[in-house]
Amino acid sequence: MASDEHLARLREGVQAWNRWREDNPGIRPELTGADGGGVNLSGADLAGADFTRAELAGSDLSKARLFGVDFREANLFGADLTQADLREVNLAGADLTEADFTGADLGCADLTDADLTGADLKEAKLERANLTSANLTGADLSRANLTEAELFMADLTGARLSQAKLGGTNLGMAVITQPQLDQAKTDEHTVVSPPLRTKQGGT
């Protein structure tokens, strides 16, 4: 359950919130289940916060410091996360449909079972991110860095991979077509076996 004090601090605005964080570096913001849909948190220092199952659909989190945040099963539908620091964030099972991650840093992030349908991940940094069983249907991963990322069983149907870096990426049992893969930059360490699946159930 979210802390009433922490919610009140957050509602004071980003500048006041960031000052409070600077003055209280040892406090972990407890915002579990917080309802902040459409809120403007651009540039906020939310590192290490607990936003488990929070409602943040349509929120502006661009350029926010979100290092190590727990967003498990949170609703971030259509959220703006452009250029946000999302390193080591936990987004397992989160709704990230149509969210904008353009230029965001998601290095070592946990996106297991996350719904990224139609998400914009252009130029996003996803090195060593875990996207096991994630739904990336129609997502734009153009020029994204997926080096050593885990995409086992991920659904990449219709995803754009133009110039994406897939060196050492695990695409075992991913739903993806060969033409999509041909648009990306793979190397001898890219795992594409067992054979890639198709929507028709072929192998």
N, C-alpha and C. Protein backbone atom coordinates (compact mmCIF):
# COMPACT_ATOMS: atom_id res chain seq x y z
N MET A 1 0.84 -1.19 0.00
CA MET A 1 0.00 0.00 0.00
C MET A 1 0.88 1.25 0.00
N ALA A 2 0.50 2.24 -0.80
CA ALA A 2 1.29 3.45 -0.92
C ALA A 2 1.30 4.25 0.38
N SER A 3 2.43 4.89 0.65
CA SER A 3 2.55 5.75 1.81
C SER A 3 1.82 7.07 1.54
N ASP A 4 0.94 7.47 2.46
CA ASP A 4 0.22 8.74 2.29
C ASP A 4 1.20 9.90 2.25
N GLU A 5 2.24 9.84 3.05
CA GLU A 5 3.24 10.91 3.06
C GLU A 5 3.95 11.02 1.73
N HIS A 6 4.35 9.88 1.17
CA HIS A 6 5.08 9.89 -0.09
C HIS A 6 4.19 10.35 -1.24
N LEU A 7 2.92 9.97 -1.21
CA LEU A 7 1.98 10.44 -2.23
C LEU A 7 1.81 11.95 -2.14
N ALA A 8 1.70 12.45 -0.92
CA ALA A 8 1.55 13.89 -0.72
C ALA A 8 2.78 14.63 -1.22
N ARG A 9 3.94 14.09 -0.97
CA ARG A 9 5.19 14.71 -1.45
C ARG A 9 5.21 14.76 -2.97
N LEU A 10 4.78 13.67 -3.59
CA LEU A 10 4.81 13.58 -5.04
C LEU A 10 3.85 14.60 -5.67
N ARG A 11 2.73 14.84 -5.01
CA ARG A 11 1.73 15.78 -5.53
C ARG A 11 2.18 17.24 -5.42
N GLU A 12 3.24 17.49 -4.67
CA GLU A 12 3.76 18.86 -4.55
C GLU A 12 4.50 19.31 -5.80
N GLY A 13 4.77 18.38 -6.71
CA GLY A 13 5.46 18.72 -7.95
C GLY A 13 6.87 18.17 -8.00
N VAL A 14 7.41 18.12 -9.21
CA VAL A 14 8.72 17.48 -9.42
C VAL A 14 9.84 18.20 -8.68
N GLN A 15 9.88 19.51 -8.72
CA GLN A 15 10.97 20.24 -8.07
C GLN A 15 10.99 19.99 -6.56
N ALA A 16 9.80 20.09 -5.93
CA ALA A 16 9.72 19.84 -4.49
C ALA A 16 10.06 18.40 -4.17
N TRP A 17 9.59 17.48 -5.02
CA TRP A 17 9.89 16.06 -4.82
C TRP A 17 11.38 15.81 -4.89
N ASN A 18 12.05 16.33 -5.91
CA ASN A 18 13.49 16.10 -6.06
C ASN A 18 14.28 16.68 -4.90
N ARG A 19 13.85 17.83 -4.36
CA ARG A 19 14.52 18.40 -3.20
C ARG A 19 14.37 17.49 -1.98
N TRP A 20 13.16 16.93 -1.84
CA TRP A 20 12.92 16.01 -0.74
C TRP A 20 13.78 14.77 -0.87
N ARG A 21 13.95 14.26 -2.08
CA ARG A 21 14.81 13.09 -2.29
C ARG A 21 16.25 13.39 -1.94
N GLU A 22 16.71 14.58 -2.31
CA GLU A 22 18.08 14.98 -1.99
C GLU A 22 18.30 15.06 -0.49
N ASP A 23 17.27 15.52 0.23
CA ASP A 23 17.39 15.67 1.68
C ASP A 23 17.18 14.37 2.44
N ASN A 24 16.62 13.36 1.75
CA ASN A 24 16.31 12.07 2.39
C ASN A 24 16.77 10.92 1.51
N PRO A 25 18.07 10.82 1.27
CA PRO A 25 18.57 9.80 0.33
C PRO A 25 18.36 8.37 0.79
N GLY A 26 18.12 8.16 2.08
CA GLY A 26 17.96 6.80 2.58
C GLY A 26 16.53 6.28 2.55
N ILE A 27 15.58 7.12 2.14
CA ILE A 27 14.17 6.71 2.12
C ILE A 27 13.81 6.12 0.76
N ARG A 28 13.19 4.93 0.78
CA ARG A 28 12.69 4.32 -0.45
C ARG A 28 11.23 4.70 -0.62
N PRO A 29 10.89 5.46 -1.66
CA PRO A 29 9.48 5.84 -1.87
C PRO A 29 8.57 4.63 -2.01
N GLU A 30 7.54 4.60 -1.17
CA GLU A 30 6.58 3.50 -1.18
C GLU A 30 5.30 3.97 -1.86
N LEU A 31 5.14 3.58 -3.14
CA LEU A 31 4.03 4.05 -3.95
C LEU A 31 3.26 2.88 -4.57
N THR A 32 3.23 1.77 -3.88
CA THR A 32 2.53 0.58 -4.35
C THR A 32 1.06 0.88 -4.61
N GLY A 33 0.60 0.56 -5.81
CA GLY A 33 -0.80 0.74 -6.16
C GLY A 33 -1.24 2.18 -6.31
N ALA A 34 -0.28 3.11 -6.37
CA ALA A 34 -0.63 4.52 -6.49
C ALA A 34 -1.41 4.78 -7.78
N ASP A 35 -2.39 5.67 -7.70
CA ASP A 35 -3.20 6.04 -8.87
C ASP A 35 -2.75 7.42 -9.32
N GLY A 36 -1.85 7.43 -10.33
CA GLY A 36 -1.32 8.69 -10.83
C GLY A 36 -1.45 8.80 -12.33
N GLY A 37 -2.50 8.25 -12.89
CA GLY A 37 -2.68 8.28 -14.33
C GLY A 37 -2.65 9.69 -14.87
N GLY A 38 -1.83 9.92 -15.91
CA GLY A 38 -1.76 11.21 -16.57
C GLY A 38 -0.93 12.24 -15.83
N VAL A 39 -0.26 11.85 -14.76
CA VAL A 39 0.53 12.80 -13.97
C VAL A 39 1.82 13.18 -14.70
N ASN A 40 2.31 14.40 -14.46
CA ASN A 40 3.56 14.86 -15.06
C ASN A 40 4.71 14.66 -14.07
N LEU A 41 5.55 13.66 -14.35
CA LEU A 41 6.70 13.37 -13.52
C LEU A 41 7.99 13.48 -14.33
N SER A 42 7.96 14.29 -15.35
CA SER A 42 9.13 14.46 -16.21
C SER A 42 10.32 14.98 -15.40
N GLY A 43 11.43 14.25 -15.47
CA GLY A 43 12.64 14.66 -14.77
C GLY A 43 12.66 14.32 -13.29
N ALA A 44 11.66 13.60 -12.79
CA ALA A 44 11.60 13.27 -11.37
C ALA A 44 12.63 12.21 -10.99
N ASP A 45 13.17 12.34 -9.77
CA ASP A 45 14.09 11.33 -9.25
C ASP A 45 13.27 10.30 -8.48
N LEU A 46 12.97 9.20 -9.13
CA LEU A 46 12.15 8.13 -8.55
C LEU A 46 12.96 6.85 -8.36
N ALA A 47 14.27 6.97 -8.38
CA ALA A 47 15.13 5.79 -8.30
C ALA A 47 14.80 4.95 -7.07
N GLY A 48 14.66 3.64 -7.29
CA GLY A 48 14.43 2.71 -6.22
C GLY A 48 13.02 2.67 -5.68
N ALA A 49 12.11 3.47 -6.23
CA ALA A 49 10.74 3.52 -5.72
C ALA A 49 9.98 2.22 -6.01
N ASP A 50 8.97 1.97 -5.17
CA ASP A 50 8.11 0.80 -5.36
C ASP A 50 6.78 1.26 -5.95
N PHE A 51 6.59 1.00 -7.24
CA PHE A 51 5.36 1.34 -7.95
C PHE A 51 4.60 0.07 -8.35
N THR A 52 4.75 -1.00 -7.58
CA THR A 52 4.07 -2.25 -7.92
C THR A 52 2.57 -2.04 -8.09
N ARG A 53 2.04 -2.50 -9.21
CA ARG A 53 0.62 -2.41 -9.54
C ARG A 53 0.07 -0.97 -9.56
N ALA A 54 0.94 -0.01 -9.76
CA ALA A 54 0.51 1.39 -9.82
C ALA A 54 -0.22 1.68 -11.12
N GLU A 55 -1.14 2.66 -11.08
CA GLU A 55 -1.88 3.10 -12.26
C GLU A 55 -1.25 4.39 -12.78
N LEU A 56 -0.47 4.27 -13.86
CA LEU A 56 0.27 5.41 -14.40
C LEU A 56 0.02 5.57 -15.90
N ALA A 57 -1.12 5.11 -16.37
CA ALA A 57 -1.43 5.21 -17.79
C ALA A 57 -1.39 6.67 -18.24
N GLY A 58 -0.72 6.90 -19.37
CA GLY A 58 -0.66 8.23 -19.95
C GLY A 58 0.21 9.22 -19.21
N SER A 59 0.97 8.76 -18.23
CA SER A 59 1.81 9.67 -17.45
C SER A 59 3.06 10.08 -18.21
N ASP A 60 3.61 11.24 -17.84
CA ASP A 60 4.84 11.75 -18.45
C ASP A 60 6.00 11.46 -17.51
N LEU A 61 6.80 10.47 -17.87
CA LEU A 61 7.98 10.09 -17.09
C LEU A 61 9.25 10.31 -17.92
N SER A 62 9.15 11.17 -18.91
CA SER A 62 10.30 11.43 -19.77
C SER A 62 11.46 12.00 -18.96
N LYS A 63 12.65 11.52 -19.26
CA LYS A 63 13.89 11.97 -18.61
C LYS A 63 13.89 11.76 -17.11
N ALA A 64 12.97 10.92 -16.61
CA ALA A 64 12.93 10.64 -15.18
C ALA A 64 14.04 9.67 -14.79
N ARG A 65 14.49 9.76 -13.54
CA ARG A 65 15.48 8.83 -13.02
C ARG A 65 14.72 7.68 -12.36
N LEU A 66 14.69 6.54 -13.05
CA LEU A 66 13.89 5.40 -12.62
C LEU A 66 14.75 4.17 -12.36
N PHE A 67 16.01 4.39 -12.08
CA PHE A 67 16.95 3.30 -11.84
C PHE A 67 16.43 2.39 -10.71
N GLY A 68 16.30 1.11 -11.02
CA GLY A 68 15.94 0.13 -10.01
C GLY A 68 14.51 0.22 -9.49
N VAL A 69 13.62 0.93 -10.19
CA VAL A 69 12.23 1.05 -9.76
C VAL A 69 11.49 -0.28 -9.94
N ASP A 70 10.58 -0.57 -9.02
CA ASP A 70 9.76 -1.78 -9.12
C ASP A 70 8.40 -1.39 -9.72
N PHE A 71 8.22 -1.72 -11.01
CA PHE A 71 6.97 -1.45 -11.72
C PHE A 71 6.21 -2.74 -12.01
N ARG A 72 6.42 -3.78 -11.25
CA ARG A 72 5.77 -5.06 -11.54
C ARG A 72 4.25 -4.89 -11.63
N GLU A 73 3.69 -5.39 -12.74
CA GLU A 73 2.24 -5.40 -12.99
C GLU A 73 1.63 -3.99 -12.96
N ALA A 74 2.46 -2.98 -13.16
CA ALA A 74 1.94 -1.60 -13.21
C ALA A 74 1.29 -1.32 -14.56
N ASN A 75 0.39 -0.35 -14.58
CA ASN A 75 -0.27 0.07 -15.81
C ASN A 75 0.39 1.34 -16.31
N LEU A 76 1.20 1.20 -17.37
CA LEU A 76 1.89 2.33 -17.99
C LEU A 76 1.44 2.48 -19.44
N PHE A 77 0.21 2.14 -19.69
CA PHE A 77 -0.36 2.24 -21.05
C PHE A 77 -0.17 3.66 -21.58
N GLY A 78 0.50 3.78 -22.74
CA GLY A 78 0.66 5.07 -23.38
C GLY A 78 1.53 6.06 -22.64
N ALA A 79 2.29 5.61 -21.66
CA ALA A 79 3.14 6.53 -20.90
C ALA A 79 4.31 7.02 -21.73
N ASP A 80 4.79 8.22 -21.40
CA ASP A 80 5.95 8.82 -22.06
C ASP A 80 7.18 8.56 -21.21
N LEU A 81 8.05 7.67 -21.69
CA LEU A 81 9.28 7.32 -20.99
C LEU A 81 10.50 7.64 -21.83
N THR A 82 10.37 8.59 -22.70
CA THR A 82 11.48 8.94 -23.59
C THR A 82 12.68 9.42 -22.78
N GLN A 83 13.83 8.88 -23.13
CA GLN A 83 15.11 9.25 -22.54
C GLN A 83 15.16 9.06 -21.02
N ALA A 84 14.29 8.19 -20.50
CA ALA A 84 14.30 7.91 -19.06
C ALA A 84 15.41 6.91 -18.72
N ASP A 85 15.91 7.01 -17.47
CA ASP A 85 16.90 6.07 -16.97
C ASP A 85 16.17 4.91 -16.30
N LEU A 86 16.04 3.80 -17.02
CA LEU A 86 15.30 2.63 -16.55
C LEU A 86 16.22 1.43 -16.33
N ARG A 87 17.47 1.68 -16.05
CA ARG A 87 18.41 0.58 -15.83
C ARG A 87 17.99 -0.24 -14.61
N GLU A 88 18.03 -1.57 -14.78
CA GLU A 88 17.73 -2.52 -13.72
C GLU A 88 16.31 -2.36 -13.16
N VAL A 89 15.41 -1.76 -13.95
CA VAL A 89 14.02 -1.61 -13.52
C VAL A 89 13.29 -2.94 -13.63
N ASN A 90 12.28 -3.15 -12.78
CA ASN A 90 11.48 -4.37 -12.84
C ASN A 90 10.12 -4.03 -13.43
N LEU A 91 9.91 -4.42 -14.68
CA LEU A 91 8.65 -4.19 -15.39
C LEU A 91 7.95 -5.51 -15.72
N ALA A 92 8.24 -6.53 -14.96
CA ALA A 92 7.65 -7.85 -15.22
C ALA A 92 6.14 -7.79 -15.13
N GLY A 93 5.48 -8.26 -16.18
CA GLY A 93 4.03 -8.30 -16.20
C GLY A 93 3.35 -6.95 -16.33
N ALA A 94 4.11 -5.91 -16.61
CA ALA A 94 3.53 -4.56 -16.71
C ALA A 94 2.83 -4.35 -18.06
N ASP A 95 1.81 -3.46 -18.05
CA ASP A 95 1.13 -3.08 -19.29
C ASP A 95 1.84 -1.86 -19.85
N LEU A 96 2.61 -2.07 -20.91
CA LEU A 96 3.39 -1.00 -21.54
C LEU A 96 2.89 -0.76 -22.97
N THR A 97 1.65 -1.10 -23.21
CA THR A 97 1.06 -0.94 -24.53
C THR A 97 1.18 0.51 -24.99
N GLU A 98 1.74 0.68 -26.19
CA GLU A 98 1.88 2.00 -26.83
C GLU A 98 2.69 3.00 -26.01
N ALA A 99 3.46 2.52 -25.05
CA ALA A 99 4.35 3.41 -24.30
C ALA A 99 5.50 3.86 -25.19
N ASP A 100 6.04 5.04 -24.91
CA ASP A 100 7.13 5.59 -25.72
C ASP A 100 8.43 5.53 -24.92
N PHE A 101 9.34 4.64 -25.37
CA PHE A 101 10.64 4.46 -24.74
C PHE A 101 11.76 5.00 -25.62
N THR A 102 11.47 5.89 -26.53
CA THR A 102 12.49 6.37 -27.46
C THR A 102 13.71 6.88 -26.71
N GLY A 103 14.88 6.30 -27.01
CA GLY A 103 16.12 6.75 -26.40
C GLY A 103 16.27 6.42 -24.93
N ALA A 104 15.38 5.61 -24.37
CA ALA A 104 15.46 5.27 -22.94
C ALA A 104 16.54 4.21 -22.71
N ASP A 105 17.09 4.19 -21.49
CA ASP A 105 18.11 3.21 -21.11
C ASP A 105 17.45 2.14 -20.25
N LEU A 106 17.28 0.94 -20.83
CA LEU A 106 16.66 -0.19 -20.15
C LEU A 106 17.66 -1.31 -19.92
N GLY A 107 18.91 -0.96 -19.77
CA GLY A 107 19.95 -1.96 -19.56
C GLY A 107 19.66 -2.83 -18.35
N CYS A 108 19.72 -4.15 -18.53
CA CYS A 108 19.50 -5.14 -17.48
C CYS A 108 18.09 -5.07 -16.88
N ALA A 109 17.14 -4.46 -17.57
CA ALA A 109 15.77 -4.38 -17.06
C ALA A 109 15.08 -5.74 -17.17
N ASP A 110 14.12 -5.97 -16.26
CA ASP A 110 13.32 -7.20 -16.29
C ASP A 110 11.96 -6.87 -16.90
N LEU A 111 11.74 -7.35 -18.13
CA LEU A 111 10.49 -7.13 -18.85
C LEU A 111 9.78 -8.44 -19.12
N THR A 112 10.01 -9.42 -18.28
CA THR A 112 9.40 -10.73 -18.44
C THR A 112 7.88 -10.61 -18.47
N ASP A 113 7.27 -11.19 -19.49
CA ASP A 113 5.80 -11.21 -19.64
C ASP A 113 5.18 -9.81 -19.77
N ALA A 114 5.96 -8.80 -20.03
CA ALA A 114 5.42 -7.44 -20.19
C ALA A 114 4.70 -7.32 -21.53
N ASP A 115 3.66 -6.49 -21.55
CA ASP A 115 2.91 -6.23 -22.79
C ASP A 115 3.42 -4.94 -23.40
N LEU A 116 4.20 -5.07 -24.47
CA LEU A 116 4.79 -3.94 -25.18
C LEU A 116 4.17 -3.78 -26.56
N THR A 117 2.93 -4.18 -26.70
CA THR A 117 2.24 -4.07 -27.98
C THR A 117 2.26 -2.63 -28.47
N GLY A 118 2.79 -2.42 -29.68
CA GLY A 118 2.80 -1.10 -30.27
C GLY A 118 3.70 -0.10 -29.58
N ALA A 119 4.57 -0.55 -28.69
CA ALA A 119 5.46 0.35 -27.97
C ALA A 119 6.53 0.92 -28.91
N ASP A 120 6.97 2.14 -28.62
CA ASP A 120 8.02 2.79 -29.40
C ASP A 120 9.33 2.65 -28.65
N LEU A 121 10.22 1.81 -29.17
CA LEU A 121 11.51 1.55 -28.54
C LEU A 121 12.67 1.96 -29.45
N LYS A 122 12.41 2.93 -30.31
CA LYS A 122 13.47 3.38 -31.22
C LYS A 122 14.68 3.87 -30.42
N GLU A 123 15.85 3.36 -30.81
CA GLU A 123 17.13 3.78 -30.21
C GLU A 123 17.20 3.52 -28.71
N ALA A 124 16.34 2.66 -28.20
CA ALA A 124 16.39 2.32 -26.78
C ALA A 124 17.58 1.40 -26.51
N LYS A 125 18.12 1.50 -25.31
CA LYS A 125 19.24 0.66 -24.89
C LYS A 125 18.67 -0.48 -24.06
N LEU A 126 18.77 -1.69 -24.60
CA LEU A 126 18.20 -2.86 -23.95
C LEU A 126 19.25 -3.95 -23.75
N GLU A 127 20.50 -3.54 -23.57
CA GLU A 127 21.56 -4.52 -23.37
C GLU A 127 21.29 -5.37 -22.13
N ARG A 128 21.35 -6.70 -22.33
CA ARG A 128 21.17 -7.67 -21.26
C ARG A 128 19.80 -7.57 -20.57
N ALA A 129 18.84 -6.97 -21.24
CA ALA A 129 17.48 -6.91 -20.69
C ALA A 129 16.81 -8.28 -20.84
N ASN A 130 15.90 -8.59 -19.92
CA ASN A 130 15.18 -9.86 -19.96
C ASN A 130 13.77 -9.61 -20.49
N LEU A 131 13.52 -10.04 -21.74
CA LEU A 131 12.23 -9.89 -22.38
C LEU A 131 11.58 -11.24 -22.65
N THR A 132 11.87 -12.20 -21.80
CA THR A 132 11.30 -13.53 -21.95
C THR A 132 9.78 -13.48 -21.97
N SER A 133 9.18 -14.06 -23.01
CA SER A 133 7.72 -14.14 -23.17
C SER A 133 7.05 -12.77 -23.25
N ALA A 134 7.80 -11.72 -23.53
CA ALA A 134 7.20 -10.39 -23.67
C ALA A 134 6.43 -10.30 -24.98
N ASN A 135 5.36 -9.50 -24.98
CA ASN A 135 4.58 -9.27 -26.19
C ASN A 135 5.05 -7.98 -26.85
N LEU A 136 5.77 -8.11 -27.96
CA LEU A 136 6.31 -6.97 -28.70
C LEU A 136 5.63 -6.82 -30.05
N THR A 137 4.39 -7.28 -30.14
CA THR A 137 3.66 -7.20 -31.39
C THR A 137 3.56 -5.76 -31.87
N GLY A 138 4.04 -5.51 -33.09
CA GLY A 138 3.96 -4.18 -33.67
C GLY A 138 4.85 -3.14 -33.03
N ALA A 139 5.76 -3.54 -32.15
CA ALA A 139 6.66 -2.59 -31.50
C ALA A 139 7.72 -2.09 -32.49
N ASP A 140 8.19 -0.88 -32.27
CA ASP A 140 9.24 -0.31 -33.12
C ASP A 140 10.56 -0.37 -32.37
N LEU A 141 11.43 -1.30 -32.81
CA LEU A 141 12.76 -1.48 -32.20
C LEU A 141 13.86 -1.01 -33.13
N SER A 142 13.53 -0.10 -34.02
CA SER A 142 14.51 0.40 -34.97
C SER A 142 15.70 1.01 -34.23
N ARG A 143 16.90 0.59 -34.59
CA ARG A 143 18.15 1.10 -34.03
C ARG A 143 18.27 0.87 -32.53
N ALA A 144 17.45 -0.02 -31.99
CA ALA A 144 17.57 -0.36 -30.56
C ALA A 144 18.77 -1.27 -30.35
N ASN A 145 19.36 -1.18 -29.17
CA ASN A 145 20.50 -2.02 -28.84
C ASN A 145 20.03 -3.16 -27.94
N LEU A 146 19.93 -4.36 -28.52
CA LEU A 146 19.47 -5.55 -27.80
C LEU A 146 20.60 -6.54 -27.58
N THR A 147 21.82 -6.03 -27.50
CA THR A 147 22.98 -6.89 -27.32
C THR A 147 22.84 -7.74 -26.06
N GLU A 148 22.96 -9.05 -26.23
CA GLU A 148 22.87 -10.02 -25.14
C GLU A 148 21.54 -9.98 -24.39
N ALA A 149 20.50 -9.45 -25.03
CA ALA A 149 19.18 -9.45 -24.41
C ALA A 149 18.55 -10.83 -24.51
N GLU A 150 17.61 -11.12 -23.59
CA GLU A 150 16.91 -12.40 -23.56
C GLU A 150 15.51 -12.21 -24.13
N LEU A 151 15.29 -12.79 -25.34
CA LEU A 151 14.00 -12.68 -26.01
C LEU A 151 13.37 -14.06 -26.23
N PHE A 152 13.72 -14.99 -25.38
CA PHE A 152 13.19 -16.34 -25.50
C PHE A 152 11.66 -16.32 -25.38
N MET A 153 10.99 -16.93 -26.36
CA MET A 153 9.53 -17.04 -26.40
C MET A 153 8.83 -15.69 -26.56
N ALA A 154 9.56 -14.63 -26.90
CA ALA A 154 8.93 -13.32 -27.10
C ALA A 154 8.15 -13.30 -28.41
N ASP A 155 7.10 -12.48 -28.46
CA ASP A 155 6.29 -12.34 -29.67
C ASP A 155 6.67 -11.04 -30.36
N LEU A 156 7.35 -11.16 -31.49
CA LEU A 156 7.83 -10.00 -32.26
C LEU A 156 7.06 -9.87 -33.57
N THR A 157 5.85 -10.38 -33.61
CA THR A 157 5.05 -10.30 -34.83
C THR A 157 4.87 -8.85 -35.26
N GLY A 158 5.31 -8.53 -36.47
CA GLY A 158 5.14 -7.19 -37.00
C GLY A 158 6.04 -6.14 -36.38
N ALA A 159 6.95 -6.55 -35.52
CA ALA A 159 7.87 -5.58 -34.91
C ALA A 159 8.89 -5.10 -35.93
N ARG A 160 9.29 -3.86 -35.82
CA ARG A 160 10.29 -3.28 -36.71
C ARG A 160 11.66 -3.39 -36.06
N LEU A 161 12.59 -4.04 -36.77
CA LEU A 161 13.92 -4.29 -36.24
C LEU A 161 15.01 -3.66 -37.10
N SER A 162 14.65 -2.68 -37.90
CA SER A 162 15.61 -2.06 -38.80
C SER A 162 16.82 -1.52 -38.03
N GLN A 163 17.99 -2.04 -38.37
CA GLN A 163 19.27 -1.62 -37.80
C GLN A 163 19.38 -1.89 -36.30
N ALA A 164 18.51 -2.73 -35.76
CA ALA A 164 18.63 -3.09 -34.34
C ALA A 164 19.86 -3.97 -34.14
N LYS A 165 20.51 -3.82 -33.01
CA LYS A 165 21.70 -4.61 -32.69
C LYS A 165 21.28 -5.84 -31.91
N LEU A 166 21.55 -7.02 -32.49
CA LEU A 166 21.14 -8.28 -31.88
C LEU A 166 22.33 -9.19 -31.60
N GLY A 167 23.49 -8.61 -31.37
CA GLY A 167 24.67 -9.41 -31.08
C GLY A 167 24.52 -10.17 -29.76
N GLY A 168 24.57 -11.49 -29.83
CA GLY A 168 24.46 -12.31 -28.63
C GLY A 168 23.06 -12.39 -28.06
N THR A 169 22.06 -11.91 -28.80
CA THR A 169 20.67 -11.93 -28.33
C THR A 169 20.11 -13.35 -28.43
N ASN A 170 19.32 -13.75 -27.43
CA ASN A 170 18.67 -15.06 -27.45
C ASN A 170 17.27 -14.91 -28.01
N LEU A 171 17.06 -15.38 -29.24
CA LEU A 171 15.77 -15.35 -29.90
C LEU A 171 15.16 -16.75 -30.01
N GLY A 172 15.63 -17.66 -29.17
CA GLY A 172 15.13 -19.02 -29.21
C GLY A 172 13.63 -19.07 -28.98
N MET A 173 12.92 -19.72 -29.89
CA MET A 173 11.47 -19.90 -29.83
C MET A 173 10.69 -18.58 -29.88
N ALA A 174 11.32 -17.52 -30.35
CA ALA A 174 10.61 -16.25 -30.50
C ALA A 174 9.70 -16.30 -31.73
N VAL A 175 8.60 -15.54 -31.68
CA VAL A 175 7.72 -15.41 -32.84
C VAL A 175 8.26 -14.28 -33.68
N ILE A 176 8.86 -14.63 -34.80
CA ILE A 176 9.53 -13.64 -35.64
C ILE A 176 9.70 -14.24 -37.03
N THR A 177 9.77 -13.40 -38.05
CA THR A 177 9.98 -13.89 -39.41
C THR A 177 11.39 -13.57 -39.87
N GLN A 178 11.87 -14.36 -40.80
CA GLN A 178 13.23 -14.16 -41.31
C GLN A 178 13.42 -12.77 -41.93
N PRO A 179 12.46 -12.24 -42.70
CA PRO A 179 12.66 -10.89 -43.23
C PRO A 179 12.88 -9.84 -42.14
N GLN A 180 12.17 -9.99 -41.00
CA GLN A 180 12.39 -9.08 -39.88
C GLN A 180 13.83 -9.19 -39.40
N LEU A 181 14.31 -10.41 -39.26
CA LEU A 181 15.65 -10.65 -38.76
C LEU A 181 16.71 -10.10 -39.71
N ASP A 182 16.41 -10.17 -41.01
CA ASP A 182 17.36 -9.69 -42.00
C ASP A 182 17.58 -8.18 -41.91
N GLN A 183 16.63 -7.45 -41.29
CA GLN A 183 16.78 -6.01 -41.15
C GLN A 183 17.69 -5.63 -39.99
N ALA A 184 17.98 -6.61 -39.13
CA ALA A 184 18.73 -6.34 -37.90
C ALA A 184 20.20 -6.73 -38.05
N LYS A 185 21.00 -6.30 -37.08
CA LYS A 185 22.43 -6.59 -37.08
C LYS A 185 22.70 -7.72 -36.11
N THR A 186 22.85 -8.92 -36.66
CA THR A 186 23.13 -10.09 -35.84
C THR A 186 24.61 -10.45 -35.94
N ASP A 187 25.05 -11.39 -35.12
CA ASP A 187 26.42 -11.90 -35.24
C ASP A 187 26.41 -13.38 -34.90
N GLU A 188 27.60 -13.98 -34.84
CA GLU A 188 27.66 -15.43 -34.63
C GLU A 188 27.19 -15.84 -33.24
N HIS A 189 27.02 -14.88 -32.34
CA HIS A 189 26.57 -15.21 -30.99
C HIS A 189 25.06 -15.05 -30.81
N THR A 190 24.38 -14.58 -31.85
CA THR A 190 22.92 -14.45 -31.78
C THR A 190 22.29 -15.84 -31.82
N VAL A 191 21.42 -16.12 -30.84
CA VAL A 191 20.80 -17.45 -30.73
C VAL A 191 19.44 -17.43 -31.41
N VAL A 192 19.30 -18.20 -32.48
CA VAL A 192 18.02 -18.30 -33.19
C VAL A 192 17.59 -19.76 -33.30
N SER A 193 18.08 -20.59 -32.42
CA SER A 193 17.73 -22.00 -32.39
C SER A 193 17.34 -22.36 -30.96
N PRO A 194 16.23 -23.08 -30.74
CA PRO A 194 15.37 -23.77 -31.70
C PRO A 194 14.79 -22.82 -32.75
N PRO A 195 14.29 -23.42 -33.83
CA PRO A 195 13.80 -22.60 -34.94
C PRO A 195 12.77 -21.57 -34.50
N LEU A 196 12.76 -20.44 -35.19
CA LEU A 196 11.81 -19.38 -34.91
C LEU A 196 10.39 -19.85 -35.19
N ARG A 197 9.46 -19.41 -34.36
CA ARG A 197 8.05 -19.79 -34.54
C ARG A 197 7.35 -18.81 -35.47
N THR A 198 6.22 -19.19 -35.95
CA THR A 198 5.39 -18.30 -36.75
C THR A 198 3.98 -18.33 -36.17
N LYS A 199 3.18 -17.35 -36.52
CA LYS A 199 1.80 -17.30 -36.03
C LYS A 199 0.97 -18.47 -36.52
N GLN A 200 1.38 -19.06 -37.65
CA GLN A 200 0.65 -20.19 -38.21
C GLN A 200 0.99 -21.50 -37.51
N GLY A 201 1.95 -21.41 -36.57
CA GLY A 201 2.31 -22.60 -35.82
C GLY A 201 3.43 -23.40 -36.47
N GLY A 202 4.04 -22.83 -37.54
CA GLY A 202 5.13 -23.53 -38.19
C GLY A 202 6.42 -23.37 -37.43
N THR A 203 7.47 -24.08 -37.87
CA THR A 203 8.76 -23.97 -37.21
C THR A 203 9.83 -23.81 -38.26
